[in-house]
Protein backbone atom coordinates (compact mmCIF):
# COMPACT_ATOMS: atom_id res chain seq x y z
CA MET A 1 -35.39 -1.81 15.25
CA PRO A 2 -38.32 0.48 16.14
CA LYS A 3 -39.07 3.23 13.64
CA ASP A 4 -37.55 6.55 14.72
CA THR A 5 -39.88 9.50 15.11
CA VAL A 6 -37.03 11.89 14.32
CA THR A 7 -35.24 11.58 11.00
CA PRO A 8 -31.48 10.93 11.03
CA ALA A 9 -30.86 14.33 9.43
CA GLU A 10 -32.79 16.04 12.22
CA ALA A 11 -31.02 14.03 14.93
CA ALA A 12 -27.59 14.78 13.46
CA SER A 13 -27.12 18.34 14.65
CA GLY A 14 -24.26 20.14 16.30
CA ARG A 15 -21.65 17.66 17.47
CA THR A 16 -24.05 14.71 17.40
CA ALA A 17 -23.64 12.15 14.65
CA VAL A 18 -26.11 9.44 13.71
CA LEU A 19 -24.63 6.12 12.68
CA TYR A 20 -26.46 3.05 11.42
CA ARG A 21 -24.36 -0.12 11.43
CA MET A 22 -24.66 -3.88 11.58
CA ALA A 23 -24.18 -5.76 14.87
CA LEU A 24 -25.67 -9.11 13.91
CA PRO A 25 -25.15 -12.27 15.98
CA ASP A 26 -22.79 -13.60 13.30
CA HIS A 27 -21.37 -10.35 11.92
CA LEU A 28 -20.10 -7.19 13.61
CA CYS A 29 -19.40 -4.83 10.72
CA PRO A 30 -15.71 -3.73 10.71
CA SER A 31 -16.47 -0.60 8.67
CA GLY A 32 -19.14 0.34 11.18
CA GLN A 33 -16.69 0.00 14.04
CA LYS A 34 -14.15 2.15 12.20
CA ALA A 35 -16.80 4.76 11.41
CA LYS A 36 -17.79 4.98 15.08
CA PHE A 37 -14.17 5.29 16.16
CA LEU A 38 -13.48 8.02 13.59
CA LEU A 39 -16.52 10.03 14.60
CA GLU A 40 -15.60 9.84 18.28
CA ARG A 41 -11.99 10.74 17.51
CA LYS A 42 -13.25 13.84 15.69
CA GLY A 43 -15.27 14.91 18.71
CA TYR A 44 -18.77 13.72 17.77
CA ALA A 45 -21.20 12.15 20.20
CA VAL A 46 -22.41 9.11 18.28
CA ASP A 47 -26.09 8.19 18.23
CA ASP A 48 -25.25 4.55 17.55
CA ARG A 49 -28.15 2.71 15.90
CA LEU A 50 -27.47 -0.99 15.57
CA PHE A 51 -29.07 -3.51 13.25
CA ARG A 52 -29.61 -6.85 14.96
CA THR A 53 -31.17 -8.78 12.06
CA ARG A 54 -30.77 -8.97 8.30
CA ALA A 55 -34.38 -7.91 7.90
CA GLU A 56 -33.61 -4.63 9.65
CA VAL A 57 -30.64 -4.05 7.34
CA ASP A 58 -32.73 -4.71 4.22
CA ALA A 59 -35.56 -2.48 5.42
CA PHE A 60 -33.13 0.37 6.14
CA LYS A 61 -31.51 0.09 2.70
CA ALA A 62 -34.89 0.15 0.99
CA GLU A 63 -36.13 3.12 3.03
CA HIS A 64 -33.06 5.29 2.43
CA GLY A 65 -32.16 4.05 -1.05
CA VAL A 66 -28.64 2.95 -0.13
CA ALA A 67 -26.77 -0.19 -1.14
CA THR A 68 -24.52 -0.63 1.88
CA THR A 69 -24.11 0.00 5.56
CA PRO A 70 -22.81 1.65 7.68
CA GLN A 71 -24.40 4.99 6.91
CA ALA A 72 -23.58 8.15 8.82
CA TRP A 73 -25.26 11.53 9.19
CA ILE A 74 -23.50 14.64 10.47
CA GLU A 75 -24.48 18.30 10.48
CA GLY A 76 -27.95 17.55 9.18
CA GLU A 77 -26.96 15.52 6.13
CA ARG A 78 -26.10 11.98 5.15
CA VAL A 79 -22.39 11.56 4.46
CA GLY A 80 -22.45 7.89 3.48
CA GLY A 81 -20.30 4.92 4.47
CA TYR A 82 -16.93 4.73 6.16
CA THR A 83 -14.86 5.75 3.12
CA ASP A 84 -17.11 8.75 2.47
CA LEU A 85 -16.90 9.68 6.14
CA ARG A 86 -13.13 9.34 6.15
CA ALA A 87 -12.86 11.59 3.09
CA ARG A 88 -15.16 14.15 4.72
CA LEU A 89 -13.48 14.28 8.13
CA THR A 90 -9.81 13.85 7.13
CA ASP A 91 -7.55 14.82 4.25
CA TRP A 92 -7.66 11.27 2.89
CA ASP A 93 -8.10 10.96 -0.87
CA PRO A 94 -8.17 7.37 -2.20
CA LYS A 95 -7.01 8.56 -5.63
CA ALA A 96 -4.16 10.76 -4.43
CA THR A 97 -0.61 9.70 -5.21
CA THR A 98 1.57 9.04 -2.17
CA TYR A 99 5.04 7.78 -1.31
CA ARG A 100 3.85 6.53 2.09
CA PRO A 101 3.77 2.77 1.31
CA VAL A 102 7.31 2.69 -0.06
CA LEU A 103 8.63 4.94 2.72
CA TYR A 104 7.18 2.60 5.35
CA LEU A 105 8.78 -0.32 3.54
CA PHE A 106 12.19 1.35 3.46
CA ALA A 107 11.87 2.25 7.14
CA VAL A 108 11.24 -1.41 8.03
CA ALA A 109 14.18 -2.45 5.86
CA ALA A 110 16.45 0.08 7.56
CA LEU A 111 15.44 -1.05 11.05
CA THR A 112 15.94 -4.70 10.06
CA ALA A 113 19.40 -3.91 8.68
CA LEU A 114 20.32 -2.10 11.91
CA ALA A 115 19.05 -5.03 13.99
CA LEU A 116 21.10 -7.50 11.91
CA SER A 117 24.20 -5.34 12.18
CA VAL A 118 24.01 -4.87 15.92
CA GLY A 119 22.87 -8.41 16.64
CA VAL A 120 25.24 -10.26 14.28
CA LEU A 121 28.22 -7.94 13.84
CA GLY A 122 27.96 -5.93 17.05
CA ALA A 123 28.37 -2.66 15.17
CA ILE A 124 27.05 -0.56 12.29
CA THR A 125 29.27 -1.12 9.26
CA TRP A 126 29.13 -0.91 5.47
CA GLN A 127 27.34 -4.25 5.62
CA THR A 128 24.42 -2.41 7.21
CA LEU A 129 23.87 -0.52 3.96
CA GLY A 130 24.10 -3.77 2.02
CA TRP A 131 21.51 -5.41 4.23
CA PHE A 132 19.26 -2.38 3.90
CA ILE A 133 19.29 -2.71 0.13
CA SER A 134 18.90 -6.51 0.09
CA VAL A 135 16.09 -6.52 2.67
CA SER A 136 14.36 -3.75 0.70
CA MET A 137 14.56 -5.99 -2.37
CA ILE A 138 12.92 -8.84 -0.46
CA LEU A 139 10.12 -6.65 0.87
CA LEU A 140 9.51 -5.02 -2.50
CA GLY A 141 9.51 -8.41 -4.18
CA MET A 142 7.00 -9.78 -1.71
CA GLN A 143 4.67 -6.88 -2.44
CA LYS A 144 4.81 -7.77 -6.11
CA LEU A 145 4.31 -11.49 -5.45
CA ARG A 146 1.06 -10.76 -3.59
CA ASP A 147 -0.55 -9.98 -6.95
CA VAL A 148 1.71 -10.85 -9.86
CA GLU A 149 -1.03 -10.14 -12.40
CA GLY A 150 -1.70 -6.69 -11.01
CA PHE A 151 2.01 -5.94 -10.86
CA SER A 152 2.67 -7.13 -14.41
CA THR A 153 -0.12 -4.96 -15.80
CA MET A 154 1.27 -1.83 -14.16
CA PHE A 155 4.87 -2.79 -14.97
CA LEU A 156 4.07 -3.11 -18.67
CA ASN A 157 3.18 0.58 -18.73
CA TYR A 158 6.82 1.62 -18.60
CA ASP A 159 9.41 -1.17 -18.39
CA VAL A 160 11.31 -1.26 -21.68
CA LEU A 161 12.12 -4.98 -21.58
CA ALA A 162 8.68 -6.13 -20.43
CA ARG A 163 7.08 -4.14 -23.23
CA ARG A 164 9.17 -6.14 -25.71
CA TRP A 165 8.96 -9.50 -23.93
CA VAL A 166 5.89 -9.86 -21.67
CA PRO A 167 7.17 -12.89 -19.65
CA TYR A 168 9.78 -10.59 -18.08
CA ALA A 169 6.98 -8.86 -16.18
CA TYR A 170 6.17 -12.19 -14.53
CA ILE A 171 9.80 -13.16 -13.92
CA TYR A 172 10.81 -9.87 -12.31
CA PRO A 173 9.17 -10.34 -8.85
CA PHE A 174 10.82 -13.75 -8.42
CA ALA A 175 14.20 -12.48 -9.62
CA GLU A 176 14.12 -9.47 -7.28
CA THR A 177 13.03 -11.49 -4.26
CA GLY A 178 15.48 -14.31 -4.92
CA ALA A 179 18.43 -11.98 -5.44
CA GLY A 180 17.54 -10.13 -2.26
CA ILE A 181 17.44 -13.34 -0.24
CA LEU A 182 20.83 -14.49 -1.55
CA MET A 183 22.37 -11.06 -0.96
CA THR A 184 21.06 -10.94 2.59
CA GLY A 185 22.60 -14.33 3.29
CA MET A 186 25.77 -13.30 1.44
CA ILE A 187 25.71 -16.52 -0.56
CA ALA A 188 25.82 -17.37 -4.29
CA THR A 189 27.08 -13.90 -5.15
CA TRP A 190 27.98 -15.21 -8.59
CA LEU A 191 24.23 -15.52 -9.23
CA SER A 192 22.58 -12.81 -7.12
CA ALA A 193 24.82 -9.91 -8.15
CA PRO A 194 24.44 -10.33 -11.94
CA VAL A 195 20.67 -10.79 -11.57
CA ALA A 196 20.38 -7.67 -9.40
CA LEU A 197 22.59 -5.69 -11.77
CA PHE A 198 20.56 -6.72 -14.80
CA ILE A 199 17.09 -6.00 -13.42
CA SER A 200 18.16 -2.74 -11.75
CA THR A 201 19.90 -1.44 -14.89
CA VAL A 202 16.85 -2.17 -17.03
CA GLY A 203 14.64 -0.70 -14.30
CA ALA A 204 16.65 2.50 -13.93
CA TRP A 205 16.65 3.13 -17.68
CA SER A 206 12.91 2.38 -17.89
CA VAL A 207 12.06 4.85 -15.13
CA PHE A 208 14.40 7.54 -16.47
CA LYS A 209 13.01 7.18 -19.99
CA ALA A 210 9.35 7.18 -18.92
CA VAL A 211 9.57 10.04 -16.43
CA TYR A 212 12.38 12.33 -17.56
CA LEU A 213 12.52 11.78 -21.34
CA ASP A 214 8.94 10.90 -22.28
CA LYS A 215 7.48 13.08 -19.48
CA ARG A 216 4.82 10.51 -18.63
CA GLU A 217 2.92 10.62 -15.34
CA LEU A 218 2.59 7.02 -14.20
CA LYS A 219 2.17 5.03 -11.03
CA CYS A 220 5.04 2.84 -9.92
CA ALA A 221 4.71 -0.93 -9.76
CA CYS A 222 7.49 -1.06 -7.15
CA VAL A 223 5.12 -1.96 -4.30
CA GLY A 224 2.88 -4.16 -6.42
CA GLY A 225 -0.12 -3.53 -8.62
CA ASN A 226 -2.86 -0.99 -7.90
CA SER A 227 -0.64 1.29 -5.83
CA ASN A 228 -0.79 5.09 -5.79
CA VAL A 229 2.99 5.51 -5.55
CA PRO A 230 4.12 7.84 -8.35
CA LEU A 231 6.83 6.71 -10.73
CA GLY A 232 9.79 9.01 -10.36
CA PHE A 233 12.74 9.86 -8.13
CA VAL A 234 12.13 7.21 -5.47
CA SER A 235 11.76 4.46 -8.07
CA LEU A 236 14.92 5.59 -9.85
CA THR A 237 16.87 5.77 -6.57
CA GLU A 238 15.74 2.28 -5.64
CA ASN A 239 17.14 0.88 -8.88
CA LEU A 240 20.37 2.87 -8.63
CA MET A 241 21.00 1.58 -5.09
CA MET A 242 20.48 -1.98 -6.30
CA MET A 243 22.87 -1.35 -9.18
CA GLY A 244 25.51 0.07 -6.86
CA MET A 245 25.32 -2.85 -4.47
CA ALA A 246 25.50 -5.38 -7.30
CA ILE A 247 28.57 -3.70 -8.80
CA VAL A 248 30.37 -3.64 -5.44
CA MET A 249 29.61 -7.32 -4.86
CA LEU A 250 30.89 -8.25 -8.32
CA VAL A 251 34.10 -6.25 -7.76
CA LEU A 252 34.67 -7.97 -4.42
CA LEU A 253 33.97 -11.34 -6.04
CA ILE A 254 36.71 -10.73 -8.58
């Protein structure tokens, strides 16, 4: 890449943004592509400066004292990489708590329950609600199974049983997923309903105690470890719905 006679800060004026990113023969930087798309979406004309060799990348990093690429300049100053750019141009905050992941999950569960009801039963019935809860359990369990270690660490912050017996934190994702699968198939109720009732009762008490009695501000392990979902009303509601479904299934079994 030939040396520019105008500095990036000088070139990045008005609605023009300067973006340095990798476009090597064996690597087209995903973050660079996202940075370019974001800048264009926000109305910037992008002065797109591509690195074609590793030597160019290393020389750029040494010259500007940066550890990574892409690097973007807007309004006469260097913003940084894609995450810095995203934080600058949108309201995104990587540390902010949000219910979005669990709301998306519940939306998928609801649509799946509706599809099962219409496709299998030909109508929306009480079974639709049951499928919504059981499918939610499967999806939530799968999120935990993606990183059992991360989940168990976060879970141990508030679950009353796991804090007394650590193996429970490792058992929980399998129990939740398994019970959800059996409930969705409406089989082995004698097993799935007691398991769901047990884990949801312990879970509801743990959330209530941590949030409403101890007044602790924690993140919920409901969608796996390292999430920014706050522990509170949604987590408690999730457990109460599971409890309700389990009780109904046990009553019907009797």
